[in-house]
Structures are given as structure tokens and as C-alpha cells.
Amino acid sequence: MKTFEYNILSFPMTRKTILSDMQASLNEKGADGWEVVSISTSEFANIGHTVFLKRETTTIGATE
């Protein structure tokens, strides 16, 4: 049985936020096995972008 773990990243919406910085951060996570599941963007109150990630965990004794 496959199992997963999840991670949430926040990228505040500021003038200093650069998409290339966001891309670099996501590429680092991807190199560690994380996969983007969803991205939520909100311009309300300058919240910014929230990225939801998952990766498969290694479960000892798991059978498929």
C-alpha cells in the first residue's frame, strides 16, 4: 500500500517576490522527491501563493 507525506509552502505576495525564486524553491523540493499537487493564489490582503506538495513515503513491510 502506498503512503504519502505532505508539505505546504507559502510564498508571500510582495514586490520582492520573484517567480524565479519560487521556481528555484520548487525545483529544490522536486529534487527531494516532492511533487506539487495544487497551488492556491490569493490577492486578498497580499496573502500570495500557497503550494501543496506530496511525496511517497517508504513503509517497511508494505505490500502492494
N, C-alpha and C. Protein backbone atom coordinates (compact mmCIF):
# COMPACT_ATOMS: atom_id res chain seq x y z
N MET A 1 0.85 -1.18 0.00
CA MET A 1 0.00 0.00 0.00
C MET A 1 0.89 1.25 0.00
N LYS A 2 0.62 2.16 -0.89
CA LYS A 2 1.39 3.40 -0.95
C LYS A 2 0.94 4.33 0.17
N THR A 3 1.91 5.01 0.75
CA THR A 3 1.60 6.05 1.72
C THR A 3 2.34 7.32 1.31
N PHE A 4 1.80 8.45 1.74
CA PHE A 4 2.36 9.74 1.34
C PHE A 4 2.54 10.64 2.55
N GLU A 5 3.45 11.58 2.40
CA GLU A 5 3.57 12.67 3.36
C GLU A 5 3.35 13.96 2.58
N TYR A 6 2.97 14.99 3.31
CA TYR A 6 2.58 16.24 2.66
C TYR A 6 3.36 17.42 3.24
N ASN A 7 3.51 18.46 2.43
CA ASN A 7 4.23 19.66 2.82
C ASN A 7 3.48 20.85 2.23
N ILE A 8 3.52 21.97 2.92
CA ILE A 8 2.87 23.18 2.44
C ILE A 8 3.89 24.32 2.46
N LEU A 9 4.03 25.00 1.34
CA LEU A 9 4.93 26.15 1.24
C LEU A 9 4.09 27.40 1.01
N SER A 10 4.53 28.51 1.58
CA SER A 10 3.88 29.80 1.36
C SER A 10 4.86 30.75 0.71
N PHE A 11 4.39 31.45 -0.28
CA PHE A 11 5.17 32.47 -0.97
C PHE A 11 4.39 33.77 -0.87
N PRO A 12 4.75 34.64 0.09
CA PRO A 12 4.02 35.90 0.26
C PRO A 12 4.09 36.75 -1.01
N MET A 13 3.03 37.47 -1.26
CA MET A 13 2.97 38.34 -2.42
C MET A 13 3.52 39.71 -2.04
N THR A 14 4.74 39.95 -2.43
CA THR A 14 5.37 41.25 -2.18
C THR A 14 6.07 41.67 -3.46
N ARG A 15 6.50 42.88 -3.48
CA ARG A 15 7.25 43.36 -4.65
C ARG A 15 8.57 42.61 -4.80
N LYS A 16 9.06 42.04 -3.71
CA LYS A 16 10.33 41.32 -3.74
C LYS A 16 10.17 39.89 -4.24
N THR A 17 8.93 39.39 -4.28
CA THR A 17 8.69 38.02 -4.74
C THR A 17 8.97 37.94 -6.22
N ILE A 18 9.87 37.06 -6.57
CA ILE A 18 10.24 36.87 -7.97
C ILE A 18 9.89 35.43 -8.34
N LEU A 19 9.24 35.23 -9.46
CA LEU A 19 8.85 33.89 -9.86
C LEU A 19 10.03 32.95 -9.98
N SER A 20 11.19 33.46 -10.37
CA SER A 20 12.36 32.59 -10.49
C SER A 20 12.79 32.06 -9.12
N ASP A 21 12.57 32.85 -8.05
CA ASP A 21 12.87 32.37 -6.69
C ASP A 21 11.90 31.26 -6.30
N MET A 22 10.63 31.44 -6.65
CA MET A 22 9.63 30.42 -6.37
C MET A 22 9.97 29.14 -7.14
N GLN A 23 10.36 29.29 -8.39
CA GLN A 23 10.73 28.15 -9.22
C GLN A 23 11.94 27.42 -8.64
N ALA A 24 12.93 28.15 -8.19
CA ALA A 24 14.12 27.54 -7.61
C ALA A 24 13.77 26.74 -6.36
N SER A 25 12.90 27.30 -5.53
CA SER A 25 12.47 26.61 -4.31
C SER A 25 11.73 25.32 -4.64
N LEU A 26 10.84 25.39 -5.63
CA LEU A 26 10.08 24.20 -6.02
C LEU A 26 10.98 23.16 -6.68
N ASN A 27 11.97 23.60 -7.43
CA ASN A 27 12.93 22.65 -8.03
C ASN A 27 13.74 21.93 -6.95
N GLU A 28 14.09 22.64 -5.88
CA GLU A 28 14.80 22.01 -4.77
C GLU A 28 13.93 20.94 -4.13
N LYS A 29 12.66 21.26 -3.90
CA LYS A 29 11.74 20.28 -3.33
C LYS A 29 11.56 19.09 -4.28
N GLY A 30 11.47 19.36 -5.57
CA GLY A 30 11.33 18.29 -6.56
C GLY A 30 12.52 17.35 -6.55
N ALA A 31 13.71 17.89 -6.35
CA ALA A 31 14.91 17.06 -6.29
C ALA A 31 14.88 16.15 -5.07
N ASP A 32 14.12 16.53 -4.04
CA ASP A 32 13.97 15.70 -2.84
C ASP A 32 12.77 14.77 -2.93
N GLY A 33 12.13 14.71 -4.10
CA GLY A 33 11.03 13.78 -4.30
C GLY A 33 9.64 14.36 -4.11
N TRP A 34 9.54 15.65 -3.83
CA TRP A 34 8.23 16.28 -3.63
C TRP A 34 7.60 16.60 -4.97
N GLU A 35 6.27 16.46 -5.05
CA GLU A 35 5.50 16.76 -6.25
C GLU A 35 4.42 17.77 -5.90
N VAL A 36 4.29 18.81 -6.71
CA VAL A 36 3.24 19.80 -6.49
C VAL A 36 1.88 19.17 -6.80
N VAL A 37 0.97 19.29 -5.85
CA VAL A 37 -0.38 18.76 -6.02
C VAL A 37 -1.33 19.89 -6.41
N SER A 38 -1.13 21.06 -5.79
CA SER A 38 -2.04 22.17 -6.04
C SER A 38 -1.36 23.48 -5.65
N ILE A 39 -1.77 24.55 -6.31
CA ILE A 39 -1.31 25.89 -5.95
C ILE A 39 -2.54 26.77 -5.80
N SER A 40 -2.60 27.46 -4.68
CA SER A 40 -3.69 28.38 -4.41
C SER A 40 -3.13 29.79 -4.40
N THR A 41 -3.74 30.68 -5.13
CA THR A 41 -3.29 32.06 -5.20
C THR A 41 -4.38 32.98 -4.69
N SER A 42 -4.00 33.90 -3.82
CA SER A 42 -4.97 34.85 -3.30
C SER A 42 -4.36 36.24 -3.31
N GLU A 43 -5.03 37.16 -3.94
CA GLU A 43 -4.58 38.54 -3.93
C GLU A 43 -5.18 39.31 -2.76
N PHE A 44 -6.13 38.70 -2.07
CA PHE A 44 -6.77 39.34 -0.94
C PHE A 44 -5.77 39.54 0.19
N ALA A 45 -5.59 40.73 0.65
CA ALA A 45 -4.70 41.08 1.76
C ALA A 45 -3.25 40.65 1.51
N ASN A 46 -2.87 40.60 0.23
CA ASN A 46 -1.48 40.25 -0.13
C ASN A 46 -1.01 38.93 0.45
N ILE A 47 -1.90 37.95 0.49
CA ILE A 47 -1.52 36.65 1.05
C ILE A 47 -0.49 35.95 0.17
N GLY A 48 -0.70 35.91 -1.11
CA GLY A 48 0.27 35.32 -2.02
C GLY A 48 -0.11 33.94 -2.50
N HIS A 49 0.90 33.07 -2.61
CA HIS A 49 0.72 31.74 -3.17
C HIS A 49 0.96 30.70 -2.09
N THR A 50 0.10 29.69 -2.05
CA THR A 50 0.29 28.55 -1.16
C THR A 50 0.41 27.33 -2.05
N VAL A 51 1.48 26.56 -1.85
CA VAL A 51 1.75 25.39 -2.68
C VAL A 51 1.65 24.14 -1.81
N PHE A 52 0.87 23.17 -2.28
CA PHE A 52 0.69 21.91 -1.57
C PHE A 52 1.48 20.83 -2.31
N LEU A 53 2.31 20.11 -1.56
CA LEU A 53 3.17 19.09 -2.15
C LEU A 53 2.95 17.75 -1.47
N LYS A 54 3.31 16.67 -2.17
CA LYS A 54 3.28 15.35 -1.57
C LYS A 54 4.45 14.54 -2.12
N ARG A 55 4.83 13.51 -1.35
CA ARG A 55 5.79 12.54 -1.84
C ARG A 55 5.50 11.21 -1.18
N GLU A 56 5.83 10.18 -1.89
CA GLU A 56 5.59 8.83 -1.39
C GLU A 56 6.58 8.53 -0.27
N THR A 57 6.09 7.90 0.77
CA THR A 57 6.95 7.50 1.88
C THR A 57 7.36 6.05 1.70
N THR A 58 8.42 5.69 2.37
CA THR A 58 8.88 4.31 2.36
C THR A 58 8.33 3.64 3.60
N THR A 59 7.45 2.67 3.39
CA THR A 59 6.85 1.97 4.50
C THR A 59 7.43 0.56 4.56
N ILE A 60 8.05 0.23 5.67
CA ILE A 60 8.63 -1.09 5.85
C ILE A 60 7.51 -2.11 5.99
N GLY A 61 7.63 -3.20 5.22
CA GLY A 61 6.66 -4.26 5.32
C GLY A 61 5.38 -4.03 4.53
N ALA A 62 5.33 -2.99 3.73
CA ALA A 62 4.14 -2.70 2.94
C ALA A 62 4.06 -3.69 1.78
N THR A 63 2.86 -4.08 1.45
CA THR A 63 2.63 -4.96 0.30
C THR A 63 1.74 -4.25 -0.69
N GLU A 64 1.95 -4.53 -1.95
CA GLU A 64 1.13 -3.92 -2.99
C GLU A 64 0.12 -4.90 -3.51
